Amino acid sequence: MSPDTGSPFPIVSTSCGDTAPIRRLMRDRIRATGLDLRGLTVLTEAATGAYAATPVIAAMAGAERVWAFTRSSRHGTAAQVGIVTRALARSAGVEDQIEIVQSLSTEILASTDILTNSGHLRPINGAVIDRLPARAVIALMFEAWEFREDDIDQEACRRREIPIVGVNERHPAIGVFPFLGPLCVRLLRDAGLTVAGQHIAVLCDNPFASFLRDGLIAAGARAEVYGAAAEVPSAPWDALLVALRPDGRRFQLAGTDIAYLSRVASQAVLVQFWGDVDREDLRRRGIFVWPPRAPRPGHMAILLSTLGPEPIIRLQTGGLRAAELVRRGRTFDPGGIADPLQPPGAGSLVRGGARPLL
């Protein structure tokens, strides 16, 4: 799932408080994934909330140097981020391995083995890619099929033969997708729905589908999955949960689809989990949409970190492990942790044409 640059998890404050639970989570995930960054330099972000863990995970996994890039955002100032990151790193005994920076020098980029596609570092443009060493790998930090065109200059990566590597979030050592069900239940409850006993149509055209359905059923709902709006039958639906894959160029729910849904599910609340929808048309047709504020294009409407730090730590550790495997030249293993991005009409961005790795 696409990461953000901050979260409501309490370590957003300038005092980390008791860091033992988050340190334990980081150690457990490093052990479970086998993450080993010894001898490597990582360029990632320093951010707020659960995302403060990313550079610390890299350092705990033995990275020789971790460059943690930050800037002020709606989640906190650069100074606040620095305080939180250093405090967490100090508690883990890795403060000396992490350097927080607010600009990307040629020296930093030329030393990088793994560059994460994290919020503060996006977009990763050609000027950045051209200053990376030939050995560098870009860690997508979510599954390859979720790639957003605006994040990374793919042409520059092809020209430089620098791999872009996603992470298999369904791998047993990562286990992020099972959090999707509880996350959508949380979003529905935020919309005022009790979930239990309610009839919910899940509009989903991607691998999220079974995880969303199972999470809703576990919460007591009657949930049915449809791959397209035109497949939803007329019924007294309580909610329509939209989880359609964005493509960056158009709404995933608009026009005739909205007109159709307004007829077959006229009383339902439309809950935007993922995928861009034409909210103006929904309002014109009297369809109540949640959340009230639209997410950024291509982004989920609720942060994974809403459920606490564990899913974020699993995701970030997995993303680093996937990139590490490719950086070390590991070979193909279907269903493995690494999931190299393969752009349409092009060969693999992974050297040697490798695909998912162990």
Foldseek 3Di string as FASTA:
>chain_A
DDAAQEDPAPLLFLDNPDCVVVLVLLVLLCVLLVQAQAPFEEEEAQGYHLSLCQQLSNQLNHHQAYEHEDAADPSGGPVSSVSSSLNSNVVNVRNVRYDYDHDQDLVNQQRHAEYELYHVCFQAELVSLVSHDLLHEYQDLAAQVLDAPRRYDVVSLLVSLHFYKYWDCVFPSQVLLLLLQVQVCVQVVVVVDQLADFEEEEAEQDPSVVSNCVSSVVSHHRYDYDPALVVDAQDQHAAYEYAYREHPPDFPEDDPSLVSCCVRHVNYAYEYFFTGYDVVVCVVSVHHYPPPDDDDHSDGPDHSCVVPNNNVSSSSSLSSSLSVCLSVPAAADPPATIAIHDDPPGATSRPPRGGHGD
